[in-house]
Amino acid sequence: MGLDLEDLEPVSRRSTAAIVADRLRQAIMRGSFPPGTQLGEVELATRLGVSRGPLREAMQRLVAEGLLRSERHRGLFVRDLAADDVRDVYIARTAVERAAALLILAGDRESATLRLTAALATMEAAAAAGDAVALADADHRFHHEFVAAAGSPRLRRMADALLVETRMCLAALQRTAPPAADLVAEHRILRDAVRDGDTDRLVATLEAHMADAVARILDGADLSEGAPDGNLPALPA
């Protein structure tokens, strides 16, 4: 007997665990929970106003995503980043975004250009305001839109996971970040290369952009440094 779809109730809201996972993921991405930070269930459940069941489910999601690691008899910690991790994240991002670039150039360049122009405008506004956090968010959004414009759900899923790990690296990058105007200019070149169908310029700029990020992170940060006092910092809104 077939399933009567009329018997299915519409899903009106996301689960508590999914919402909590998003909050924790954002905190990790923004560096509020640096690599090595221990996440205590009792304190987090109290601060987030949730029971420990959904919190545990949320934390296990982040373990599966590779953002948290579990130590037997000790608990859960934000995964440490070593130099090899940084290189690997950007090697993977380069591969994914290069594949996306080729799909974009073979597809609807006009639509992709419109998406990237909107994302670029957000970057320009953040740079003009001198807001480093908003600029990092806009940079993240630009690359999300870049891969999404390729029309491949699998590439998009891979890219979104890698962008979370990238933001963990960017917390270390803040001390050596390129000038905002230079960052915006790089992304404008990417947008223009898509618009013009210039494969060589698009791929070369992507590869140089990723290589420069790796060099800046490794030159300017101690990636194994965790929360210095073992206390949990404030969660972002």
C-alpha atoms as a PDB file:
ATOM      1  CA  MET A   1       0.000   0.000   0.000  1.00  0.00           C
ATOM      2  CA  GLY A   2       1.414   3.377  -0.995  1.00  0.00           C
ATOM      3  CA  LEU A   3       2.072   6.223   1.395  1.00  0.00           C
ATOM      4  CA  ASP A   4      -0.692   8.801   1.563  1.00  0.00           C
ATOM      5  CA  LEU A   5       1.235  12.072   1.607  1.00  0.00           C
ATOM      6  CA  GLU A   6      -1.795  13.850   3.044  1.00  0.00           C
ATOM      7  CA  ASP A   7      -1.051  12.052   6.310  1.00  0.00           C
ATOM      8  CA  LEU A   8       2.281  13.848   6.635  1.00  0.00           C
ATOM      9  CA  GLU A   9       2.245  16.937   8.812  1.00  0.00           C
ATOM     10  CA  PRO A  10       4.248  19.908   7.510  1.00  0.00           C
ATOM     11  CA  VAL A  11       7.486  20.635   9.312  1.00  0.00           C
ATOM     12  CA  SER A  12       6.987  24.072  10.841  1.00  0.00           C
ATOM     13  CA  ARG A  13      10.340  24.581  12.538  1.00  0.00           C
ATOM     14  CA  ARG A  14      13.863  23.262  12.724  1.00  0.00           C
ATOM     15  CA  SER A  15      14.813  20.971  15.552  1.00  0.00           C
ATOM     16  CA  THR A  16      16.413  22.398  18.670  1.00  0.00           C
ATOM     17  CA  ALA A  17      19.523  20.323  17.990  1.00  0.00           C
ATOM     18  CA  ALA A  18      19.892  21.857  14.517  1.00  0.00           C
ATOM     19  CA  ILE A  19      19.551  25.374  15.914  1.00  0.00           C
ATOM     20  CA  VAL A  20      22.088  24.667  18.671  1.00  0.00           C
ATOM     21  CA  ALA A  21      24.485  23.148  16.143  1.00  0.00           C
ATOM     22  CA  ASP A  22      24.250  26.338  14.085  1.00  0.00           C
ATOM     23  CA  ARG A  23      25.034  28.494  17.138  1.00  0.00           C
ATOM     24  CA  LEU A  24      28.045  26.383  18.075  1.00  0.00           C
ATOM     25  CA  ARG A  25      29.240  26.227  14.468  1.00  0.00           C
ATOM     26  CA  GLN A  26      29.059  30.018  14.235  1.00  0.00           C
ATOM     27  CA  ALA A  27      31.011  30.379  17.488  1.00  0.00           C
ATOM     28  CA  ILE A  28      33.719  28.045  16.197  1.00  0.00           C
ATOM     29  CA  MET A  29      33.801  29.756  12.805  1.00  0.00           C
ATOM     30  CA  ARG A  30      34.215  33.212  14.329  1.00  0.00           C
ATOM     31  CA  GLY A  31      36.941  32.127  16.714  1.00  0.00           C
ATOM     32  CA  SER A  32      34.807  32.575  19.834  1.00  0.00           C
ATOM     33  CA  PHE A  33      35.790  28.984  20.639  1.00  0.00           C
ATOM     34  CA  PRO A  34      39.446  28.750  19.561  1.00  0.00           C
ATOM     35  CA  PRO A  35      41.067  25.432  18.639  1.00  0.00           C
ATOM     36  CA  GLY A  36      41.643  23.350  21.738  1.00  0.00           C
ATOM     37  CA  THR A  37      38.756  24.843  23.739  1.00  0.00           C
ATOM     38  CA  GLN A  38      36.884  22.271  25.858  1.00  0.00           C
ATOM     39  CA  LEU A  39      33.097  22.496  25.590  1.00  0.00           C
ATOM     40  CA  GLY A  40      31.319  21.631  28.819  1.00  0.00           C
ATOM     41  CA  GLU A  41      27.757  20.327  28.546  1.00  0.00           C
ATOM     42  CA  VAL A  42      26.459  21.844  31.781  1.00  0.00           C
ATOM     43  CA  GLU A  43      27.700  25.363  31.134  1.00  0.00           C
ATOM     44  CA  LEU A  44      26.667  25.374  27.475  1.00  0.00           C
ATOM     45  CA  ALA A  45      23.201  23.973  28.207  1.00  0.00           C
ATOM     46  CA  THR A  46      22.664  26.690  30.804  1.00  0.00           C
ATOM     47  CA  ARG A  47      23.906  29.491  28.592  1.00  0.00           C
ATOM     48  CA  LEU A  48      21.916  28.351  25.571  1.00  0.00           C
ATOM     49  CA  GLY A  49      18.791  27.615  27.598  1.00  0.00           C
ATOM     50  CA  VAL A  50      18.389  24.071  26.289  1.00  0.00           C
ATOM     51  CA  SER A  51      18.349  20.613  27.812  1.00  0.00           C
ATOM     52  CA  ARG A  52      21.423  18.419  27.540  1.00  0.00           C
ATOM     53  CA  GLY A  53      19.777  15.999  25.087  1.00  0.00           C
ATOM     54  CA  PRO A  54      19.560  18.406  22.121  1.00  0.00           C
ATOM     55  CA  LEU A  55      22.947  19.856  23.070  1.00  0.00           C
ATOM     56  CA  ARG A  56      24.569  16.417  22.932  1.00  0.00           C
ATOM     57  CA  GLU A  57      22.939  15.741  19.560  1.00  0.00           C
ATOM     58  CA  ALA A  58      24.195  19.096  18.261  1.00  0.00           C
ATOM     59  CA  MET A  59      27.715  18.438  19.492  1.00  0.00           C
ATOM     60  CA  GLN A  60      27.775  15.000  17.890  1.00  0.00           C
ATOM     61  CA  ARG A  61      26.832  16.625  14.582  1.00  0.00           C
ATOM     62  CA  LEU A  62      29.904  18.824  14.892  1.00  0.00           C
ATOM     63  CA  VAL A  63      32.047  15.799  15.744  1.00  0.00           C
ATOM     64  CA  ALA A  64      30.812  14.178  12.516  1.00  0.00           C
ATOM     65  CA  GLU A  65      31.648  17.387  10.620  1.00  0.00           C
ATOM     66  CA  GLY A  66      35.181  17.323  12.013  1.00  0.00           C
ATOM     67  CA  LEU A  67      34.853  20.567  13.992  1.00  0.00           C
ATOM     68  CA  LEU A  68      34.940  18.889  17.406  1.00  0.00           C
ATOM     69  CA  ARG A  69      36.985  15.937  18.664  1.00  0.00           C
ATOM     70  CA  SER A  70      36.080  13.584  21.469  1.00  0.00           C
ATOM     71  CA  GLU A  71      38.608  12.488  24.100  1.00  0.00           C
ATOM     72  CA  ARG A  72      37.650   9.493  26.204  1.00  0.00           C
ATOM     73  CA  HIS A  73      37.018  10.386  29.855  1.00  0.00           C
ATOM     74  CA  ARG A  74      37.749  14.057  29.100  1.00  0.00           C
ATOM     75  CA  GLY A  75      34.997  15.376  26.855  1.00  0.00           C
ATOM     76  CA  LEU A  76      34.678  17.344  23.639  1.00  0.00           C
ATOM     77  CA  PHE A  77      37.168  19.878  22.316  1.00  0.00           C
ATOM     78  CA  VAL A  78      37.321  22.201  19.340  1.00  0.00           C
ATOM     79  CA  ARG A  79      39.614  20.473  16.890  1.00  0.00           C
ATOM     80  CA  ASP A  80      43.158  21.795  16.830  1.00  0.00           C
ATOM     81  CA  LEU A  81      44.515  23.149  13.575  1.00  0.00           C
ATOM     82  CA  ALA A  82      48.045  22.290  12.501  1.00  0.00           C
ATOM     83  CA  ALA A  83      49.871  23.697   9.501  1.00  0.00           C
ATOM     84  CA  ASP A  84      49.036  20.573   7.488  1.00  0.00           C
ATOM     85  CA  ASP A  85      45.326  21.092   8.251  1.00  0.00           C
ATOM     86  CA  VAL A  86      45.444  24.638   6.904  1.00  0.00           C
ATOM     87  CA  ARG A  87      47.202  23.532   3.739  1.00  0.00           C
ATOM     88  CA  ASP A  88      44.747  20.663   3.279  1.00  0.00           C
ATOM     89  CA  VAL A  89      41.684  22.885   3.710  1.00  0.00           C
ATOM     90  CA  TYR A  90      42.914  25.245   1.021  1.00  0.00           C
ATOM     91  CA  ILE A  91      44.021  22.448  -1.311  1.00  0.00           C
ATOM     92  CA  ALA A  92      40.483  21.052  -1.090  1.00  0.00           C
ATOM     93  CA  ARG A  93      38.919  24.488  -1.529  1.00  0.00           C
ATOM     94  CA  THR A  94      41.066  25.146  -4.589  1.00  0.00           C
ATOM     95  CA  ALA A  95      39.940  21.869  -6.150  1.00  0.00           C
ATOM     96  CA  VAL A  96      36.259  22.465  -5.397  1.00  0.00           C
ATOM     97  CA  GLU A  97      36.222  26.094  -6.526  1.00  0.00           C
ATOM     98  CA  ARG A  98      38.223  25.350  -9.662  1.00  0.00           C
ATOM     99  CA  ALA A  99      35.645  22.703 -10.577  1.00  0.00           C
ATOM    100  CA  ALA A 100      32.881  25.196  -9.851  1.00  0.00           C
ATOM    101  CA  ALA A 101      34.596  27.803 -12.008  1.00  0.00           C
ATOM    102  CA  LEU A 102      34.692  25.494 -15.022  1.00  0.00           C
ATOM    103  CA  LEU A 103      31.007  24.636 -14.606  1.00  0.00           C
ATOM    104  CA  ILE A 104      30.101  28.329 -14.315  1.00  0.00           C
ATOM    105  CA  LEU A 105      32.012  29.217 -17.477  1.00  0.00           C
ATOM    106  CA  ALA A 106      30.299  26.403 -19.360  1.00  0.00           C
ATOM    107  CA  GLY A 107      26.865  27.451 -18.074  1.00  0.00           C
ATOM    108  CA  ASP A 108      24.868  30.585 -17.332  1.00  0.00           C
ATOM    109  CA  ARG A 109      27.596  33.199 -16.842  1.00  0.00           C
ATOM    110  CA  GLU A 110      25.115  36.061 -16.762  1.00  0.00           C
ATOM    111  CA  SER A 111      23.217  34.638 -13.789  1.00  0.00           C
ATOM    112  CA  ALA A 112      26.467  33.815 -11.985  1.00  0.00           C
ATOM    113  CA  THR A 113      27.740  37.342 -12.580  1.00  0.00           C
ATOM    114  CA  LEU A 114      24.606  38.819 -11.023  1.00  0.00           C
ATOM    115  CA  ARG A 115      25.003  36.632  -7.922  1.00  0.00           C
ATOM    116  CA  LEU A 116      28.658  37.516  -7.554  1.00  0.00           C
ATOM    117  CA  THR A 117      27.995  41.225  -8.127  1.00  0.00           C
ATOM    118  CA  ALA A 118      25.507  41.237  -5.239  1.00  0.00           C
ATOM    119  CA  ALA A 119      27.984  39.403  -3.001  1.00  0.00           C
ATOM    120  CA  LEU A 120      30.753  41.791  -4.049  1.00  0.00           C
ATOM    121  CA  ALA A 121      28.583  44.795  -3.157  1.00  0.00           C
ATOM    122  CA  THR A 122      28.246  43.430   0.385  1.00  0.00           C
ATOM    123  CA  MET A 123      32.031  43.078   0.599  1.00  0.00           C
ATOM    124  CA  GLU A 124      32.500  46.641  -0.635  1.00  0.00           C
ATOM    125  CA  ALA A 125      30.088  47.992   1.961  1.00  0.00           C
ATOM    126  CA  ALA A 126      31.842  46.100   4.780  1.00  0.00           C
ATOM    127  CA  ALA A 127      35.240  47.339   3.602  1.00  0.00           C
ATOM    128  CA  ALA A 128      33.996  50.935   3.403  1.00  0.00           C
ATOM    129  CA  ALA A 129      32.628  50.639   6.956  1.00  0.00           C
ATOM    130  CA  GLY A 130      35.915  49.246   8.244  1.00  0.00           C
ATOM    131  CA  ASP A 131      34.076  46.250   9.730  1.00  0.00           C
ATOM    132  CA  ALA A 132      36.513  43.302   9.708  1.00  0.00           C
ATOM    133  CA  VAL A 133      33.938  40.772  10.924  1.00  0.00           C
ATOM    134  CA  ALA A 134      31.366  41.844   8.336  1.00  0.00           C
ATOM    135  CA  LEU A 135      34.065  41.701   5.661  1.00  0.00           C
ATOM    136  CA  ALA A 136      34.975  38.136   6.649  1.00  0.00           C
ATOM    137  CA  ASP A 137      31.263  37.226   6.554  1.00  0.00           C
ATOM    138  CA  ALA A 138      30.926  38.821   3.113  1.00  0.00           C
ATOM    139  CA  ASP A 139      34.043  37.020   1.860  1.00  0.00           C
ATOM    140  CA  HIS A 140      32.525  33.738   3.080  1.00  0.00           C
ATOM    141  CA  ARG A 141      29.266  34.593   1.322  1.00  0.00           C
ATOM    142  CA  PHE A 142      31.015  35.442  -1.948  1.00  0.00           C
ATOM    143  CA  HIS A 143      32.662  32.018  -2.112  1.00  0.00           C
ATOM    144  CA  HIS A 144      29.415  30.301  -1.113  1.00  0.00           C
ATOM    145  CA  GLU A 145      27.644  32.076  -3.980  1.00  0.00           C
ATOM    146  CA  PHE A 146      30.515  31.296  -6.340  1.00  0.00           C
ATOM    147  CA  VAL A 147      30.199  27.547  -5.830  1.00  0.00           C
ATOM    148  CA  ALA A 148      26.393  27.667  -5.639  1.00  0.00           C
ATOM    149  CA  ALA A 149      26.339  29.377  -9.060  1.00  0.00           C
ATOM    150  CA  ALA A 150      27.913  26.241 -10.551  1.00  0.00           C
ATOM    151  CA  GLY A 151      24.659  24.372  -9.953  1.00  0.00           C
ATOM    152  CA  SER A 152      26.248  21.296  -8.361  1.00  0.00           C
ATOM    153  CA  PRO A 153      24.664  20.345  -5.005  1.00  0.00           C
ATOM    154  CA  ARG A 154      27.610  18.112  -4.122  1.00  0.00           C
ATOM    155  CA  LEU A 155      30.199  20.788  -4.795  1.00  0.00           C
ATOM    156  CA  ARG A 156      28.100  23.208  -2.737  1.00  0.00           C
ATOM    157  CA  ARG A 157      27.940  20.818   0.225  1.00  0.00           C
ATOM    158  CA  MET A 158      31.689  20.250   0.096  1.00  0.00           C
ATOM    159  CA  ALA A 159      32.372  23.964  -0.198  1.00  0.00           C
ATOM    160  CA  ASP A 160      30.129  24.896   2.720  1.00  0.00           C
ATOM    161  CA  ALA A 161      31.876  22.377   4.990  1.00  0.00           C
ATOM    162  CA  LEU A 162      35.286  23.677   3.915  1.00  0.00           C
ATOM    163  CA  LEU A 163      34.213  27.288   4.452  1.00  0.00           C
ATOM    164  CA  VAL A 164      33.472  26.537   8.112  1.00  0.00           C
ATOM    165  CA  GLU A 165      37.001  25.189   8.530  1.00  0.00           C
ATOM    166  CA  THR A 166      38.307  28.198   6.626  1.00  0.00           C
ATOM    167  CA  ARG A 167      36.678  30.537   9.127  1.00  0.00           C
ATOM    168  CA  MET A 168      38.461  28.688  11.924  1.00  0.00           C
ATOM    169  CA  CYS A 169      41.681  29.574  10.127  1.00  0.00           C
ATOM    170  CA  LEU A 170      40.574  33.174   9.554  1.00  0.00           C
ATOM    171  CA  ALA A 171      40.454  33.801  13.297  1.00  0.00           C
ATOM    172  CA  ALA A 172      44.214  33.316  13.167  1.00  0.00           C
ATOM    173  CA  LEU A 173      44.467  35.358   9.959  1.00  0.00           C
ATOM    174  CA  GLN A 174      43.116  38.582  11.509  1.00  0.00           C
ATOM    175  CA  ARG A 175      46.591  39.776  12.511  1.00  0.00           C
ATOM    176  CA  THR A 176      47.928  39.366   8.977  1.00  0.00           C
ATOM    177  CA  ALA A 177      44.837  39.967   6.880  1.00  0.00           C
ATOM    178  CA  PRO A 178      45.396  41.765   3.566  1.00  0.00           C
ATOM    179  CA  PRO A 179      44.169  45.358   3.264  1.00  0.00           C
ATOM    180  CA  ALA A 180      40.421  45.407   2.748  1.00  0.00           C
ATOM    181  CA  ALA A 181      40.775  47.215  -0.576  1.00  0.00           C
ATOM    182  CA  ASP A 182      43.111  44.493  -1.869  1.00  0.00           C
ATOM    183  CA  LEU A 183      40.731  41.743  -0.757  1.00  0.00           C
ATOM    184  CA  VAL A 184      37.793  43.416  -2.501  1.00  0.00           C
ATOM    185  CA  ALA A 185      39.902  43.957  -5.634  1.00  0.00           C
ATOM    186  CA  GLU A 186      40.778  40.237  -5.796  1.00  0.00           C
ATOM    187  CA  HIS A 187      37.124  39.277  -5.629  1.00  0.00           C
ATOM    188  CA  ARG A 188      36.255  41.878  -8.242  1.00  0.00           C
ATOM    189  CA  ILE A 189      38.752  40.185 -10.583  1.00  0.00           C
ATOM    190  CA  LEU A 190      37.011  36.854  -9.955  1.00  0.00           C
ATOM    191  CA  ARG A 191      33.626  38.406 -10.765  1.00  0.00           C
ATOM    192  CA  ASP A 192      34.983  40.088 -13.891  1.00  0.00           C
ATOM    193  CA  ALA A 193      36.623  36.866 -15.103  1.00  0.00           C
ATOM    194  CA  VAL A 194      33.276  35.079 -14.788  1.00  0.00           C
ATOM    195  CA  ARG A 195      31.539  37.905 -16.632  1.00  0.00           C
ATOM    196  CA  ASP A 196      34.133  37.874 -19.428  1.00  0.00           C
ATOM    197  CA  GLY A 197      34.422  34.071 -19.660  1.00  0.00           C
ATOM    198  CA  ASP A 198      38.161  34.300 -19.030  1.00  0.00           C
ATOM    199  CA  THR A 199      39.114  30.794 -17.852  1.00  0.00           C
ATOM    200  CA  ASP A 200      42.847  31.425 -17.437  1.00  0.00           C
ATOM    201  CA  ARG A 201      42.380  34.577 -15.372  1.00  0.00           C
ATOM    202  CA  LEU A 202      39.657  33.028 -13.229  1.00  0.00           C
ATOM    203  CA  VAL A 203      41.628  29.873 -12.368  1.00  0.00           C
ATOM    204  CA  ALA A 204      44.899  31.749 -11.850  1.00  0.00           C
ATOM    205  CA  THR A 205      43.270  34.291  -9.528  1.00  0.00           C
ATOM    206  CA  LEU A 206      41.536  31.557  -7.527  1.00  0.00           C
ATOM    207  CA  GLU A 207      44.773  29.634  -7.067  1.00  0.00           C
ATOM    208  CA  ALA A 208      46.736  32.753  -6.102  1.00  0.00           C
ATOM    209  CA  HIS A 209      43.977  33.790  -3.667  1.00  0.00           C
ATOM    210  CA  MET A 210      44.111  30.438  -1.868  1.00  0.00           C
ATOM    211  CA  ALA A 211      47.926  30.283  -1.813  1.00  0.00           C
ATOM    212  CA  ASP A 212      48.138  33.799  -0.366  1.00  0.00           C
ATOM    213  CA  ALA A 213      45.680  32.920   2.408  1.00  0.00           C
ATOM    214  CA  VAL A 214      47.735  29.874   3.404  1.00  0.00           C
ATOM    215  CA  ALA A 215      50.943  31.906   3.490  1.00  0.00           C
ATOM    216  CA  ARG A 216      49.382  34.623   5.635  1.00  0.00           C
ATOM    217  CA  ILE A 217      47.857  32.171   8.112  1.00  0.00           C
ATOM    218  CA  LEU A 218      51.028  30.143   8.549  1.00  0.00           C
ATOM    219  CA  ASP A 219      53.240  33.223   8.790  1.00  0.00           C
ATOM    220  CA  GLY A 220      51.063  35.070  11.286  1.00  0.00           C
ATOM    221  CA  ALA A 221      49.495  32.627  13.718  1.00  0.00           C
ATOM    222  CA  ASP A 222      50.077  30.027  16.396  1.00  0.00           C
ATOM    223  CA  LEU A 223      47.382  27.606  15.286  1.00  0.00           C
ATOM    224  CA  SER A 224      47.724  25.249  18.205  1.00  0.00           C
ATOM    225  CA  GLU A 225      46.898  27.926  20.755  1.00  0.00           C
ATOM    226  CA  GLY A 226      43.595  27.257  22.540  1.00  0.00           C
ATOM    227  CA  ALA A 227      41.542  29.250  25.031  1.00  0.00           C
ATOM    228  CA  PRO A 228      44.205  30.451  27.465  1.00  0.00           C
ATOM    229  CA  ASP A 229      42.239  30.136  30.666  1.00  0.00           C
ATOM    230  CA  GLY A 230      40.013  27.168  29.827  1.00  0.00           C
ATOM    231  CA  ASN A 231      36.857  29.298  30.159  1.00  0.00           C
ATOM    232  CA  LEU A 232      34.236  29.492  27.470  1.00  0.00           C
ATOM    233  CA  PRO A 233      34.050  32.850  25.692  1.00  0.00           C
ATOM    234  CA  ALA A 234      30.780  34.584  24.879  1.00  0.00           C
ATOM    235  CA  LEU A 235      28.645  33.019  22.168  1.00  0.00           C
ATOM    236  CA  PRO A 236      27.863  35.220  19.162  1.00  0.00           C
ATOM    237  CA  ALA A 237      24.291  36.335  18.656  1.00  0.00           C
END
